[in-house]
Amino acid sequence: MTIKIYGSFRSPFVMAAGLTVYVKDQEFELLMTNIKSPEYMNKFNPFGKMPSYQDEDIILFESKAIMR
């Protein structure tokens, strides 16, 4: 399954997370979403921030956690 990063590449935090995944030679896709929607906040990030990272059933929502 492909890694999914939710956010916008206009954000430096999303760019850092995407670059980290790219450098680790992993396939990923960037998905634009409404980060303030209840669905996003309930499933991915309760604070309504970006980026969020999903790899199968693992969900991370802090850019520093994604980059580790």
PDB file of N, CA and C in Angstrom:
ATOM      1  N   MET A   1       0.843  -1.183   0.000  1.00  0.00           N
ATOM      2  CA  MET A   1       0.000   0.000   0.000  1.00  0.00           C
ATOM      3  C   MET A   1       0.887   1.244   0.000  1.00  0.00           C
ATOM      4  N   THR A   2       0.486   2.242  -0.724  1.00  0.00           N
ATOM      5  CA  THR A   2       1.229   3.485  -0.830  1.00  0.00           C
ATOM      6  C   THR A   2       1.019   4.349   0.412  1.00  0.00           C
ATOM      7  N   ILE A   3       2.058   5.011   0.820  1.00  0.00           N
ATOM      8  CA  ILE A   3       1.963   5.958   1.932  1.00  0.00           C
ATOM      9  C   ILE A   3       1.181   7.171   1.454  1.00  0.00           C
ATOM     10  N   LYS A   4       0.311   7.688   2.318  1.00  0.00           N
ATOM     11  CA  LYS A   4      -0.477   8.876   1.987  1.00  0.00           C
ATOM     12  C   LYS A   4      -0.109   9.997   2.942  1.00  0.00           C
ATOM     13  N   ILE A   5       0.162  11.162   2.380  1.00  0.00           N
ATOM     14  CA  ILE A   5       0.418  12.352   3.177  1.00  0.00           C
ATOM     15  C   ILE A   5      -0.674  13.350   2.848  1.00  0.00           C
ATOM     16  N   TYR A   6      -1.370  13.801   3.878  1.00  0.00           N
ATOM     17  CA  TYR A   6      -2.459  14.749   3.704  1.00  0.00           C
ATOM     18  C   TYR A   6      -1.951  16.141   4.039  1.00  0.00           C
ATOM     19  N   GLY A   7      -2.152  17.065   3.107  1.00  0.00           N
ATOM     20  CA  GLY A   7      -1.719  18.437   3.312  1.00  0.00           C
ATOM     21  C   GLY A   7      -1.430  19.110   1.987  1.00  0.00           C
ATOM     22  N   SER A   8      -0.741  20.225   2.043  1.00  0.00           N
ATOM     23  CA  SER A   8      -0.401  20.995   0.855  1.00  0.00           C
ATOM     24  C   SER A   8       1.106  21.208   0.814  1.00  0.00           C
ATOM     25  N   PHE A   9       1.717  21.046  -0.360  1.00  0.00           N
ATOM     26  CA  PHE A   9       3.156  21.258  -0.463  1.00  0.00           C
ATOM     27  C   PHE A   9       3.536  22.722  -0.291  1.00  0.00           C
ATOM     28  N   ARG A  10       2.565  23.594  -0.135  1.00  0.00           N
ATOM     29  CA  ARG A  10       2.859  24.985   0.179  1.00  0.00           C
ATOM     30  C   ARG A  10       3.296  25.120   1.639  1.00  0.00           C
ATOM     31  N   SER A  11       2.988  24.114   2.438  1.00  0.00           N
ATOM     32  CA  SER A  11       3.356  24.119   3.851  1.00  0.00           C
ATOM     33  C   SER A  11       4.771  23.568   4.012  1.00  0.00           C
ATOM     34  N   PRO A  12       5.633  24.264   4.742  1.00  0.00           N
ATOM     35  CA  PRO A  12       6.994  23.744   4.952  1.00  0.00           C
ATOM     36  C   PRO A  12       7.001  22.434   5.741  1.00  0.00           C
ATOM     37  N   PHE A  13       6.008  22.220   6.583  1.00  0.00           N
ATOM     38  CA  PHE A  13       5.937  20.982   7.359  1.00  0.00           C
ATOM     39  C   PHE A  13       5.586  19.791   6.465  1.00  0.00           C
ATOM     40  N   VAL A  14       4.695  20.017   5.525  1.00  0.00           N
ATOM     41  CA  VAL A  14       4.336  18.966   4.564  1.00  0.00           C
ATOM     42  C   VAL A  14       5.520  18.696   3.642  1.00  0.00           C
ATOM     43  N   MET A  15       6.213  19.761   3.220  1.00  0.00           N
ATOM     44  CA  MET A  15       7.379  19.584   2.363  1.00  0.00           C
ATOM     45  C   MET A  15       8.450  18.763   3.072  1.00  0.00           C
ATOM     46  N   ALA A  16       8.677  19.035   4.345  1.00  0.00           N
ATOM     47  CA  ALA A  16       9.692  18.291   5.105  1.00  0.00           C
ATOM     48  C   ALA A  16       9.299  16.822   5.239  1.00  0.00           C
ATOM     49  N   ALA A  17       8.031  16.554   5.533  1.00  0.00           N
ATOM     50  CA  ALA A  17       7.572  15.168   5.666  1.00  0.00           C
ATOM     51  C   ALA A  17       7.665  14.440   4.324  1.00  0.00           C
ATOM     52  N   GLY A  18       7.245  15.093   3.248  1.00  0.00           N
ATOM     53  CA  GLY A  18       7.319  14.488   1.913  1.00  0.00           C
ATOM     54  C   GLY A  18       8.750  14.229   1.485  1.00  0.00           C
ATOM     55  N   LEU A  19       9.644  15.157   1.781  1.00  0.00           N
ATOM     56  CA  LEU A  19      11.050  14.987   1.430  1.00  0.00           C
ATOM     57  C   LEU A  19      11.665  13.826   2.202  1.00  0.00           C
ATOM     58  N   THR A  20      11.301  13.686   3.461  1.00  0.00           N
ATOM     59  CA  THR A  20      11.817  12.577   4.263  1.00  0.00           C
ATOM     60  C   THR A  20      11.390  11.232   3.691  1.00  0.00           C
ATOM     61  N   VAL A  21      10.128  11.122   3.328  1.00  0.00           N
ATOM     62  CA  VAL A  21       9.621   9.872   2.748  1.00  0.00           C
ATOM     63  C   VAL A  21      10.291   9.617   1.399  1.00  0.00           C
ATOM     64  N   TYR A  22      10.484  10.666   0.613  1.00  0.00           N
ATOM     65  CA  TYR A  22      11.130  10.538  -0.695  1.00  0.00           C
ATOM     66  C   TYR A  22      12.580  10.079  -0.546  1.00  0.00           C
ATOM     67  N   VAL A  23      13.315  10.667   0.394  1.00  0.00           N
ATOM     68  CA  VAL A  23      14.719  10.311   0.605  1.00  0.00           C
ATOM     69  C   VAL A  23      14.842   8.856   1.067  1.00  0.00           C
ATOM     70  N   LYS A  24      13.854   8.375   1.799  1.00  0.00           N
ATOM     71  CA  LYS A  24      13.859   6.982   2.241  1.00  0.00           C
ATOM     72  C   LYS A  24      13.390   6.033   1.145  1.00  0.00           C
ATOM     73  N   ASP A  25      13.205   6.577  -0.064  1.00  0.00           N
ATOM     74  CA  ASP A  25      12.860   5.815  -1.263  1.00  0.00           C
ATOM     75  C   ASP A  25      11.541   5.050  -1.112  1.00  0.00           C
ATOM     76  N   GLN A  26      10.554   5.723  -0.547  1.00  0.00           N
ATOM     77  CA  GLN A  26       9.218   5.150  -0.393  1.00  0.00           C
ATOM     78  C   GLN A  26       8.259   5.842  -1.351  1.00  0.00           C
ATOM     79  N   GLU A  27       7.350   5.095  -1.910  1.00  0.00           N
ATOM     80  CA  GLU A  27       6.319   5.695  -2.754  1.00  0.00           C
ATOM     81  C   GLU A  27       5.285   6.350  -1.862  1.00  0.00           C
ATOM     82  N   PHE A  28       4.859   7.549  -2.251  1.00  0.00           N
ATOM     83  CA  PHE A  28       3.816   8.219  -1.484  1.00  0.00           C
ATOM     84  C   PHE A  28       2.974   9.069  -2.406  1.00  0.00           C
ATOM     85  N   GLU A  29       1.803   9.418  -1.916  1.00  0.00           N
ATOM     86  CA  GLU A  29       0.952  10.328  -2.660  1.00  0.00           C
ATOM     87  C   GLU A  29       0.510  11.441  -1.731  1.00  0.00           C
ATOM     88  N   LEU A  30       0.443  12.642  -2.281  1.00  0.00           N
ATOM     89  CA  LEU A  30      -0.002  13.809  -1.536  1.00  0.00           C
ATOM     90  C   LEU A  30      -1.483  14.009  -1.810  1.00  0.00           C
ATOM     91  N   LEU A  31      -2.266  14.069  -0.755  1.00  0.00           N
ATOM     92  CA  LEU A  31      -3.708  14.238  -0.894  1.00  0.00           C
ATOM     93  C   LEU A  31      -4.132  15.559  -0.264  1.00  0.00           C
ATOM     94  N   MET A  32      -4.762  16.382  -1.065  1.00  0.00           N
ATOM     95  CA  MET A  32      -5.305  17.638  -0.570  1.00  0.00           C
ATOM     96  C   MET A  32      -6.642  17.342   0.098  1.00  0.00           C
ATOM     97  N   THR A  33      -6.889  17.954   1.227  1.00  0.00           N
ATOM     98  CA  THR A  33      -8.133  17.735   1.941  1.00  0.00           C
ATOM     99  C   THR A  33      -8.486  18.977   2.736  1.00  0.00           C
ATOM    100  N   ASN A  34      -9.721  19.060   3.143  1.00  0.00           N
ATOM    101  CA  ASN A  34     -10.151  20.137   4.019  1.00  0.00           C
ATOM    102  C   ASN A  34      -9.760  19.747   5.441  1.00  0.00           C
ATOM    103  N   ILE A  35      -8.710  20.359   5.968  1.00  0.00           N
ATOM    104  CA  ILE A  35      -8.183  19.942   7.265  1.00  0.00           C
ATOM    105  C   ILE A  35      -9.080  20.341   8.429  1.00  0.00           C
ATOM    106  N   LYS A  36     -10.042  21.199   8.190  1.00  0.00           N
ATOM    107  CA  LYS A  36     -10.968  21.602   9.256  1.00  0.00           C
ATOM    108  C   LYS A  36     -12.263  20.807   9.237  1.00  0.00           C
ATOM    109  N   SER A  37     -12.385  19.853   8.312  1.00  0.00           N
ATOM    110  CA  SER A  37     -13.619  19.060   8.250  1.00  0.00           C
ATOM    111  C   SER A  37     -13.666  18.088   9.429  1.00  0.00           C
ATOM    112  N   PRO A  38     -14.856  17.785   9.927  1.00  0.00           N
ATOM    113  CA  PRO A  38     -14.974  16.842  11.046  1.00  0.00           C
ATOM    114  C   PRO A  38     -14.407  15.457  10.728  1.00  0.00           C
ATOM    115  N   GLU A  39     -14.546  15.005   9.482  1.00  0.00           N
ATOM    116  CA  GLU A  39     -14.024  13.689   9.107  1.00  0.00           C
ATOM    117  C   GLU A  39     -12.500  13.645   9.248  1.00  0.00           C
ATOM    118  N   TYR A  40     -11.836  14.690   8.759  1.00  0.00           N
ATOM    119  CA  TYR A  40     -10.373  14.750   8.849  1.00  0.00           C
ATOM    120  C   TYR A  40      -9.933  14.823  10.308  1.00  0.00           C
ATOM    121  N   MET A  41     -10.591  15.690  11.077  1.00  0.00           N
ATOM    122  CA  MET A  41     -10.195  15.880  12.470  1.00  0.00           C
ATOM    123  C   MET A  41     -10.444  14.626  13.307  1.00  0.00           C
ATOM    124  N   ASN A  42     -11.502  13.880  13.015  1.00  0.00           N
ATOM    125  CA  ASN A  42     -11.783  12.660  13.774  1.00  0.00           C
ATOM    126  C   ASN A  42     -10.836  11.528  13.419  1.00  0.00           C
ATOM    127  N   LYS A  43     -10.453  11.436  12.150  1.00  0.00           N
ATOM    128  CA  LYS A  43      -9.646  10.292  11.715  1.00  0.00           C
ATOM    129  C   LYS A  43      -8.140  10.562  11.735  1.00  0.00           C
ATOM    130  N   PHE A  44      -7.720  11.753  11.327  1.00  0.00           N
ATOM    131  CA  PHE A  44      -6.296  11.989  11.103  1.00  0.00           C
ATOM    132  C   PHE A  44      -5.629  12.913  12.109  1.00  0.00           C
ATOM    133  N   ASN A  45      -6.234  14.034  12.425  1.00  0.00           N
ATOM    134  CA  ASN A  45      -5.580  14.988  13.314  1.00  0.00           C
ATOM    135  C   ASN A  45      -6.629  15.743  14.120  1.00  0.00           C
ATOM    136  N   PRO A  46      -6.706  15.493  15.408  1.00  0.00           N
ATOM    137  CA  PRO A  46      -7.721  16.152  16.220  1.00  0.00           C
ATOM    138  C   PRO A  46      -7.515  17.660  16.349  1.00  0.00           C
ATOM    139  N   PHE A  47      -6.321  18.145  15.998  1.00  0.00           N
ATOM    140  CA  PHE A  47      -6.039  19.575  16.086  1.00  0.00           C
ATOM    141  C   PHE A  47      -6.324  20.316  14.775  1.00  0.00           C
ATOM    142  N   GLY A  48      -6.661  19.591  13.716  1.00  0.00           N
ATOM    143  CA  GLY A  48      -6.960  20.220  12.433  1.00  0.00           C
ATOM    144  C   GLY A  48      -5.751  20.853  11.779  1.00  0.00           C
ATOM    145  N   LYS A  49      -4.592  20.250  11.939  1.00  0.00           N
ATOM    146  CA  LYS A  49      -3.349  20.767  11.342  1.00  0.00           C
ATOM    147  C   LYS A  49      -2.850  19.793  10.287  1.00  0.00           C
ATOM    148  N   MET A  50      -1.830  20.199   9.540  1.00  0.00           N
ATOM    149  CA  MET A  50      -1.211  19.309   8.575  1.00  0.00           C
ATOM    150  C   MET A  50       0.279  19.307   8.800  1.00  0.00           C
ATOM    151  N   PRO A  51       0.982  18.283   8.419  1.00  0.00           N
ATOM    152  CA  PRO A  51       0.575  17.132   7.631  1.00  0.00           C
ATOM    153  C   PRO A  51       0.051  15.996   8.504  1.00  0.00           C
ATOM    154  N   SER A  52      -0.594  15.073   7.841  1.00  0.00           N
ATOM    155  CA  SER A  52      -0.964  13.798   8.443  1.00  0.00           C
ATOM    156  C   SER A  52      -0.423  12.708   7.527  1.00  0.00           C
ATOM    157  N   TYR A  53      -0.048  11.604   8.120  1.00  0.00           N
ATOM    158  CA  TYR A  53       0.614  10.507   7.415  1.00  0.00           C
ATOM    159  C   TYR A  53      -0.176   9.241   7.673  1.00  0.00           C
ATOM    160  N   GLN A  54      -0.448   8.491   6.612  1.00  0.00           N
ATOM    161  CA  GLN A  54      -1.147   7.220   6.765  1.00  0.00           C
ATOM    162  C   GLN A  54      -0.404   6.147   5.986  1.00  0.00           C
ATOM    163  N   ASP A  55      -0.058   5.075   6.681  1.00  0.00           N
ATOM    164  CA  ASP A  55       0.548   3.894   6.065  1.00  0.00           C
ATOM    165  C   ASP A  55      -0.214   2.698   6.605  1.00  0.00           C
ATOM    166  N   GLU A  56      -1.128   2.193   5.787  1.00  0.00           N
ATOM    167  CA  GLU A  56      -2.056   1.132   6.171  1.00  0.00           C
ATOM    168  C   GLU A  56      -2.842   1.580   7.400  1.00  0.00           C
ATOM    169  N   ASP A  57      -2.613   0.984   8.571  1.00  0.00           N
ATOM    170  CA  ASP A  57      -3.408   1.358   9.741  1.00  0.00           C
ATOM    171  C   ASP A  57      -2.653   2.290  10.691  1.00  0.00           C
ATOM    172  N   ILE A  58      -1.460   2.735  10.315  1.00  0.00           N
ATOM    173  CA  ILE A  58      -0.682   3.667  11.138  1.00  0.00           C
ATOM    174  C   ILE A  58      -0.976   5.094  10.683  1.00  0.00           C
ATOM    175  N   ILE A  59      -1.363   5.941  11.629  1.00  0.00           N
ATOM    176  CA  ILE A  59      -1.629   7.340  11.324  1.00  0.00           C
ATOM    177  C   ILE A  59      -0.798   8.207  12.264  1.00  0.00           C
ATOM    178  N   LEU A  60      -0.020   9.108  11.676  1.00  0.00           N
ATOM    179  CA  LEU A  60       0.779  10.071  12.431  1.00  0.00           C
ATOM    180  C   LEU A  60       0.366  11.471  12.012  1.00  0.00           C
ATOM    181  N   PHE A  61       0.417  12.431  12.938  1.00  0.00           N
ATOM    182  CA  PHE A  61      -0.003  13.771  12.556  1.00  0.00           C
ATOM    183  C   PHE A  61       0.944  14.878  13.009  1.00  0.00           C
ATOM    184  N   GLU A  62       2.107  14.566  13.427  1.00  0.00           N
ATOM    185  CA  GLU A  62       3.127  15.564  13.729  1.00  0.00           C
ATOM    186  C   GLU A  62       4.266  15.401  12.727  1.00  0.00           C
ATOM    187  N   SER A  63       4.715  16.496  12.118  1.00  0.00           N
ATOM    188  CA  SER A  63       5.754  16.375  11.103  1.00  0.00           C
ATOM    189  C   SER A  63       7.040  15.785  11.691  1.00  0.00           C
ATOM    190  N   LYS A  64       7.355  16.109  12.925  1.00  0.00           N
ATOM    191  CA  LYS A  64       8.564  15.546  13.548  1.00  0.00           C
ATOM    192  C   LYS A  64       8.433  14.047  13.756  1.00  0.00           C
ATOM    193  N   ALA A  65       7.244  13.579  14.085  1.00  0.00           N
ATOM    194  CA  ALA A  65       7.007  12.134  14.235  1.00  0.00           C
ATOM    195  C   ALA A  65       7.090  11.429  12.882  1.00  0.00           C
ATOM    196  N   ILE A  66       6.577  12.080  11.849  1.00  0.00           N
ATOM    197  CA  ILE A  66       6.622  11.490  10.501  1.00  0.00           C
ATOM    198  C   ILE A  66       8.074  11.379  10.038  1.00  0.00           C
ATOM    199  N   MET A  67       8.893  12.360  10.355  1.00  0.00           N
ATOM    200  CA  MET A  67      10.273  12.371   9.884  1.00  0.00           C
ATOM    201  C   MET A  67      11.179  11.411  10.643  1.00  0.00           C
ATOM    202  N   ARG A  68      10.746  10.841  11.739  1.00  0.00           N
ATOM    203  CA  ARG A  68      11.578   9.891  12.495  1.00  0.00           C
ATOM    204  C   ARG A  68      11.494   8.595  11.818  1.00  0.00           C
TER     205      ARG A  68
END
